């Protein structure tokens, strides 16, 4: 099983606001542990806003 030391921080671009954000090694390890195979497409702020919009329904 991989741990945080197996990853390096990566810079990604948010598909909503187009800002660059850091996908940390710890977040990458968490994603792998949960079985997620794709990196996040949204920055933390846009992810939170999307969750809030989805919970309004």
PDB file of N, CA and C in Angstrom:
ATOM      1  N   UNK A   1       0.842  -1.180   0.000  1.00  0.00           N
ATOM      2  CA  UNK A   1       0.000   0.000   0.000  1.00  0.00           C
ATOM      3  C   UNK A   1       0.884   1.239   0.000  1.00  0.00           C
ATOM      4  N   UNK A   2       0.531   2.224  -0.797  1.00  0.00           N
ATOM      5  CA  UNK A   2       1.314   3.447  -0.914  1.00  0.00           C
ATOM      6  C   UNK A   2       1.044   4.365   0.262  1.00  0.00           C
ATOM      7  N   UNK A   3       2.015   5.211   0.532  1.00  0.00           N
ATOM      8  CA  UNK A   3       1.801   6.233   1.538  1.00  0.00           C
ATOM      9  C   UNK A   3       2.192   7.583   0.960  1.00  0.00           C
ATOM     10  N   UNK A   4       2.048   8.606   1.777  1.00  0.00           N
ATOM     11  CA  UNK A   4       2.267   9.972   1.318  1.00  0.00           C
ATOM     12  C   UNK A   4       3.652  10.171   0.703  1.00  0.00           C
ATOM     13  N   UNK A   5       4.638   9.426   1.175  1.00  0.00           N
ATOM     14  CA  UNK A   5       6.003   9.571   0.673  1.00  0.00           C
ATOM     15  C   UNK A   5       6.144   9.089  -0.771  1.00  0.00           C
ATOM     16  N   UNK A   6       5.184   8.314  -1.257  1.00  0.00           N
ATOM     17  CA  UNK A   6       5.232   7.806  -2.624  1.00  0.00           C
ATOM     18  C   UNK A   6       4.732   8.830  -3.645  1.00  0.00           C
ATOM     19  N   UNK A   7       4.268   9.978  -3.185  1.00  0.00           N
ATOM     20  CA  UNK A   7       3.679  10.987  -4.058  1.00  0.00           C
ATOM     21  C   UNK A   7       4.422  12.308  -3.916  1.00  0.00           C
ATOM     22  N   UNK A   8       4.281  13.161  -4.921  1.00  0.00           N
ATOM     23  CA  UNK A   8       4.803  14.523  -4.875  1.00  0.00           C
ATOM     24  C   UNK A   8       3.650  15.474  -5.142  1.00  0.00           C
ATOM     25  N   UNK A   9       3.708  16.661  -4.542  1.00  0.00           N
ATOM     26  CA  UNK A   9       2.690  17.669  -4.810  1.00  0.00           C
ATOM     27  C   UNK A   9       2.625  17.945  -6.305  1.00  0.00           C
ATOM     28  N   UNK A  10       1.408  18.130  -6.811  1.00  0.00           N
ATOM     29  CA  UNK A  10       1.206  18.425  -8.233  1.00  0.00           C
ATOM     30  C   UNK A  10       0.375  19.685  -8.373  1.00  0.00           C
ATOM     31  N   UNK A  11       0.699  20.481  -9.379  1.00  0.00           N
ATOM     32  CA  UNK A  11      -0.084  21.673  -9.686  1.00  0.00           C
ATOM     33  C   UNK A  11      -1.135  21.297 -10.730  1.00  0.00           C
ATOM     34  N   UNK A  12      -2.388  21.623 -10.443  1.00  0.00           N
ATOM     35  CA  UNK A  12      -3.498  21.345 -11.351  1.00  0.00           C
ATOM     36  C   UNK A  12      -4.255  22.637 -11.617  1.00  0.00           C
ATOM     37  N   UNK A  13      -5.068  22.654 -12.675  1.00  0.00           N
ATOM     38  CA  UNK A  13      -5.884  23.818 -13.003  1.00  0.00           C
ATOM     39  C   UNK A  13      -7.354  23.452 -12.839  1.00  0.00           C
ATOM     40  N   UNK A  14      -8.084  24.276 -12.108  1.00  0.00           N
ATOM     41  CA  UNK A  14      -9.509  24.063 -11.853  1.00  0.00           C
ATOM     42  C   UNK A  14     -10.307  24.270 -13.139  1.00  0.00           C
ATOM     43  N   UNK A  15     -11.256  23.356 -13.419  1.00  0.00           N
ATOM     44  CA  UNK A  15     -12.069  23.483 -14.630  1.00  0.00           C
ATOM     45  C   UNK A  15     -13.147  24.550 -14.489  1.00  0.00           C
ATOM     46  N   UNK A  16     -13.454  24.974 -13.268  1.00  0.00           N
ATOM     47  CA  UNK A  16     -14.484  25.992 -13.068  1.00  0.00           C
ATOM     48  C   UNK A  16     -13.906  27.406 -13.069  1.00  0.00           C
ATOM     49  N   UNK A  17     -12.969  27.675 -12.170  1.00  0.00           N
ATOM     50  CA  UNK A  17     -12.443  29.040 -12.023  1.00  0.00           C
ATOM     51  C   UNK A  17     -11.107  29.250 -12.728  1.00  0.00           C
ATOM     52  N   UNK A  18     -10.524  28.178 -13.262  1.00  0.00           N
ATOM     53  CA  UNK A  18      -9.276  28.221 -14.033  1.00  0.00           C
ATOM     54  C   UNK A  18      -8.050  28.623 -13.218  1.00  0.00           C
ATOM     55  N   UNK A  19      -8.134  28.616 -11.903  1.00  0.00           N
ATOM     56  CA  UNK A  19      -6.957  28.924 -11.097  1.00  0.00           C
ATOM     57  C   UNK A  19      -6.138  27.654 -10.891  1.00  0.00           C
ATOM     58  N   UNK A  20      -4.853  27.845 -10.672  1.00  0.00           N
ATOM     59  CA  UNK A  20      -3.976  26.727 -10.342  1.00  0.00           C
ATOM     60  C   UNK A  20      -4.129  26.402  -8.864  1.00  0.00           C
ATOM     61  N   UNK A  21      -4.085  25.122  -8.539  1.00  0.00           N
ATOM     62  CA  UNK A  21      -4.122  24.701  -7.143  1.00  0.00           C
ATOM     63  C   UNK A  21      -3.205  23.502  -6.966  1.00  0.00           C
ATOM     64  N   UNK A  22      -2.752  23.310  -5.735  1.00  0.00           N
ATOM     65  CA  UNK A  22      -1.837  22.215  -5.424  1.00  0.00           C
ATOM     66  C   UNK A  22      -2.620  21.006  -4.950  1.00  0.00           C
ATOM     67  N   UNK A  23      -2.368  19.880  -5.591  1.00  0.00           N
ATOM     68  CA  UNK A  23      -2.912  18.597  -5.150  1.00  0.00           C
ATOM     69  C   UNK A  23      -1.796  17.952  -4.344  1.00  0.00           C
ATOM     70  N   UNK A  24      -1.937  17.991  -3.036  1.00  0.00           N
ATOM     71  CA  UNK A  24      -0.848  17.578  -2.152  1.00  0.00           C
ATOM     72  C   UNK A  24      -0.622  16.066  -2.186  1.00  0.00           C
ATOM     73  N   UNK A  25       0.564  15.680  -1.751  1.00  0.00           N
ATOM     74  CA  UNK A  25       0.904  14.261  -1.666  1.00  0.00           C
ATOM     75  C   UNK A  25      -0.071  13.535  -0.745  1.00  0.00           C
ATOM     76  N   UNK A  26      -0.463  14.174   0.346  1.00  0.00           N
ATOM     77  CA  UNK A  26      -1.417  13.568   1.273  1.00  0.00           C
ATOM     78  C   UNK A  26      -2.774  13.344   0.635  1.00  0.00           C
ATOM     79  N   UNK A  27      -3.235  14.325  -0.156  1.00  0.00           N
ATOM     80  CA  UNK A  27      -4.512  14.168  -0.859  1.00  0.00           C
ATOM     81  C   UNK A  27      -4.424  13.049  -1.891  1.00  0.00           C
ATOM     82  N   UNK A  28      -3.292  12.944  -2.564  1.00  0.00           N
ATOM     83  CA  UNK A  28      -3.119  11.878  -3.551  1.00  0.00           C
ATOM     84  C   UNK A  28      -3.174  10.506  -2.891  1.00  0.00           C
ATOM     85  N   UNK A  29      -2.539  10.374  -1.733  1.00  0.00           N
ATOM     86  CA  UNK A  29      -2.578   9.108  -0.998  1.00  0.00           C
ATOM     87  C   UNK A  29      -4.011   8.788  -0.583  1.00  0.00           C
ATOM     88  N   UNK A  30      -4.757   9.801  -0.135  1.00  0.00           N
ATOM     89  CA  UNK A  30      -6.155   9.618   0.250  1.00  0.00           C
ATOM     90  C   UNK A  30      -6.974   9.153  -0.954  1.00  0.00           C
ATOM     91  N   UNK A  31      -6.789   9.806  -2.106  1.00  0.00           N
ATOM     92  CA  UNK A  31      -7.528   9.421  -3.306  1.00  0.00           C
ATOM     93  C   UNK A  31      -7.249   7.963  -3.649  1.00  0.00           C
ATOM     94  N   UNK A  32      -5.980   7.566  -3.608  1.00  0.00           N
ATOM     95  CA  UNK A  32      -5.628   6.183  -3.938  1.00  0.00           C
ATOM     96  C   UNK A  32      -6.265   5.210  -2.946  1.00  0.00           C
ATOM     97  N   UNK A  33      -6.224   5.564  -1.674  1.00  0.00           N
ATOM     98  CA  UNK A  33      -6.807   4.712  -0.630  1.00  0.00           C
ATOM     99  C   UNK A  33      -8.303   4.507  -0.853  1.00  0.00           C
ATOM    100  N   UNK A  34      -8.989   5.550  -1.341  1.00  0.00           N
ATOM    101  CA  UNK A  34     -10.430   5.468  -1.590  1.00  0.00           C
ATOM    102  C   UNK A  34     -10.762   4.854  -2.944  1.00  0.00           C
ATOM    103  N   UNK A  35      -9.739   4.568  -3.756  1.00  0.00           N
ATOM    104  CA  UNK A  35      -9.971   3.935  -5.049  1.00  0.00           C
ATOM    105  C   UNK A  35     -10.250   4.906  -6.179  1.00  0.00           C
ATOM    106  N   UNK A  36     -10.025   6.206  -5.942  1.00  0.00           N
ATOM    107  CA  UNK A  36     -10.219   7.200  -6.999  1.00  0.00           C
ATOM    108  C   UNK A  36      -9.024   7.134  -7.940  1.00  0.00           C
ATOM    109  N   UNK A  37      -9.285   7.067  -9.239  1.00  0.00           N
ATOM    110  CA  UNK A  37      -8.200   6.912 -10.203  1.00  0.00           C
ATOM    111  C   UNK A  37      -7.855   8.209 -10.926  1.00  0.00           C
ATOM    112  N   UNK A  38      -8.708   9.209 -10.859  1.00  0.00           N
ATOM    113  CA  UNK A  38      -8.483  10.483 -11.543  1.00  0.00           C
ATOM    114  C   UNK A  38      -8.192  11.581 -10.530  1.00  0.00           C
ATOM    115  N   UNK A  39      -7.327  12.529 -10.880  1.00  0.00           N
ATOM    116  CA  UNK A  39      -7.091  13.667  -9.979  1.00  0.00           C
ATOM    117  C   UNK A  39      -8.323  14.565  -9.937  1.00  0.00           C
ATOM    118  N   UNK A  40      -8.432  15.415  -8.916  1.00  0.00           N
ATOM    119  CA  UNK A  40      -9.587  16.309  -8.844  1.00  0.00           C
ATOM    120  C   UNK A  40      -9.577  17.293 -10.010  1.00  0.00           C
ATOM    121  N   UNK A  41     -10.761  17.665 -10.472  1.00  0.00           N
ATOM    122  CA  UNK A  41     -10.882  18.619 -11.572  1.00  0.00           C
ATOM    123  C   UNK A  41     -11.133  20.030 -11.059  1.00  0.00           C
ATOM    124  N   UNK A  42     -11.524  20.124  -9.792  1.00  0.00           N
ATOM    125  CA  UNK A  42     -11.862  21.424  -9.215  1.00  0.00           C
ATOM    126  C   UNK A  42     -10.980  21.724  -8.012  1.00  0.00           C
ATOM    127  N   UNK A  43     -10.706  23.005  -7.802  1.00  0.00           N
ATOM    128  CA  UNK A  43      -9.952  23.435  -6.627  1.00  0.00           C
ATOM    129  C   UNK A  43     -10.828  23.222  -5.387  1.00  0.00           C
ATOM    130  N   UNK A  44     -10.238  23.239  -4.209  1.00  0.00           N
ATOM    131  CA  UNK A  44     -11.032  23.013  -2.986  1.00  0.00           C
ATOM    132  C   UNK A  44     -12.230  23.951  -2.849  1.00  0.00           C
ATOM    133  N   UNK A  45     -12.072  25.237  -3.198  1.00  0.00           N
ATOM    134  CA  UNK A  45     -13.194  26.177  -3.082  1.00  0.00           C
ATOM    135  C   UNK A  45     -14.331  25.808  -4.029  1.00  0.00           C
ATOM    136  N   UNK A  46     -14.003  25.469  -5.270  1.00  0.00           N
ATOM    137  CA  UNK A  46     -15.042  25.099  -6.238  1.00  0.00           C
ATOM    138  C   UNK A  46     -15.664  23.748  -5.898  1.00  0.00           C
ATOM    139  N   UNK A  47     -14.872  22.820  -5.345  1.00  0.00           N
ATOM    140  CA  UNK A  47     -15.440  21.534  -4.899  1.00  0.00           C
ATOM    141  C   UNK A  47     -16.477  21.770  -3.808  1.00  0.00           C
ATOM    142  N   UNK A  48     -16.137  22.639  -2.862  1.00  0.00           N
ATOM    143  CA  UNK A  48     -17.061  22.934  -1.765  1.00  0.00           C
ATOM    144  C   UNK A  48     -18.323  23.611  -2.299  1.00  0.00           C
ATOM    145  N   UNK A  49     -18.171  24.550  -3.226  1.00  0.00           N
ATOM    146  CA  UNK A  49     -19.327  25.236  -3.807  1.00  0.00           C
ATOM    147  C   UNK A  49     -20.207  24.247  -4.570  1.00  0.00           C
ATOM    148  N   UNK A  50     -19.598  23.316  -5.297  1.00  0.00           N
ATOM    149  CA  UNK A  50     -20.379  22.318  -6.044  1.00  0.00           C
ATOM    150  C   UNK A  50     -21.154  21.417  -5.086  1.00  0.00           C
ATOM    151  N   UNK A  51     -20.499  20.994  -3.993  1.00  0.00           N
ATOM    152  CA  UNK A  51     -21.206  20.174  -2.994  1.00  0.00           C
ATOM    153  C   UNK A  51     -22.390  20.934  -2.410  1.00  0.00           C
ATOM    154  N   UNK A  52     -22.204  22.215  -2.124  1.00  0.00           N
ATOM    155  CA  UNK A  52     -23.282  23.030  -1.558  1.00  0.00           C
ATOM    156  C   UNK A  52     -24.441  23.138  -2.548  1.00  0.00           C
ATOM    157  N   UNK A  53     -24.127  23.346  -3.829  1.00  0.00           N
ATOM    158  CA  UNK A  53     -25.187  23.422  -4.847  1.00  0.00           C
ATOM    159  C   UNK A  53     -25.940  22.104  -4.940  1.00  0.00           C
ATOM    160  N   UNK A  54     -25.218  20.988  -4.911  1.00  0.00           N
ATOM    161  CA  UNK A  54     -25.850  19.673  -5.021  1.00  0.00           C
ATOM    162  C   UNK A  54     -26.716  19.357  -3.809  1.00  0.00           C
ATOM    163  N   UNK A  55     -26.348  19.871  -2.645  1.00  0.00           N
ATOM    164  CA  UNK A  55     -27.127  19.614  -1.431  1.00  0.00           C
ATOM    165  C   UNK A  55     -28.380  20.462  -1.344  1.00  0.00           C
ATOM    166  N   UNK A  56     -28.487  21.512  -2.177  1.00  0.00           N
ATOM    167  CA  UNK A  56     -29.668  22.369  -2.169  1.00  0.00           C
ATOM    168  C   UNK A  56     -30.862  21.693  -2.820  1.00  0.00           C
ATOM    169  N   UNK A  57     -30.610  20.730  -3.666  1.00  0.00           N
ATOM    170  CA  UNK A  57     -31.681  20.079  -4.439  1.00  0.00           C
ATOM    171  C   UNK A  57     -32.559  19.233  -3.577  1.00  0.00           C
TER     172      UNK A  57
END
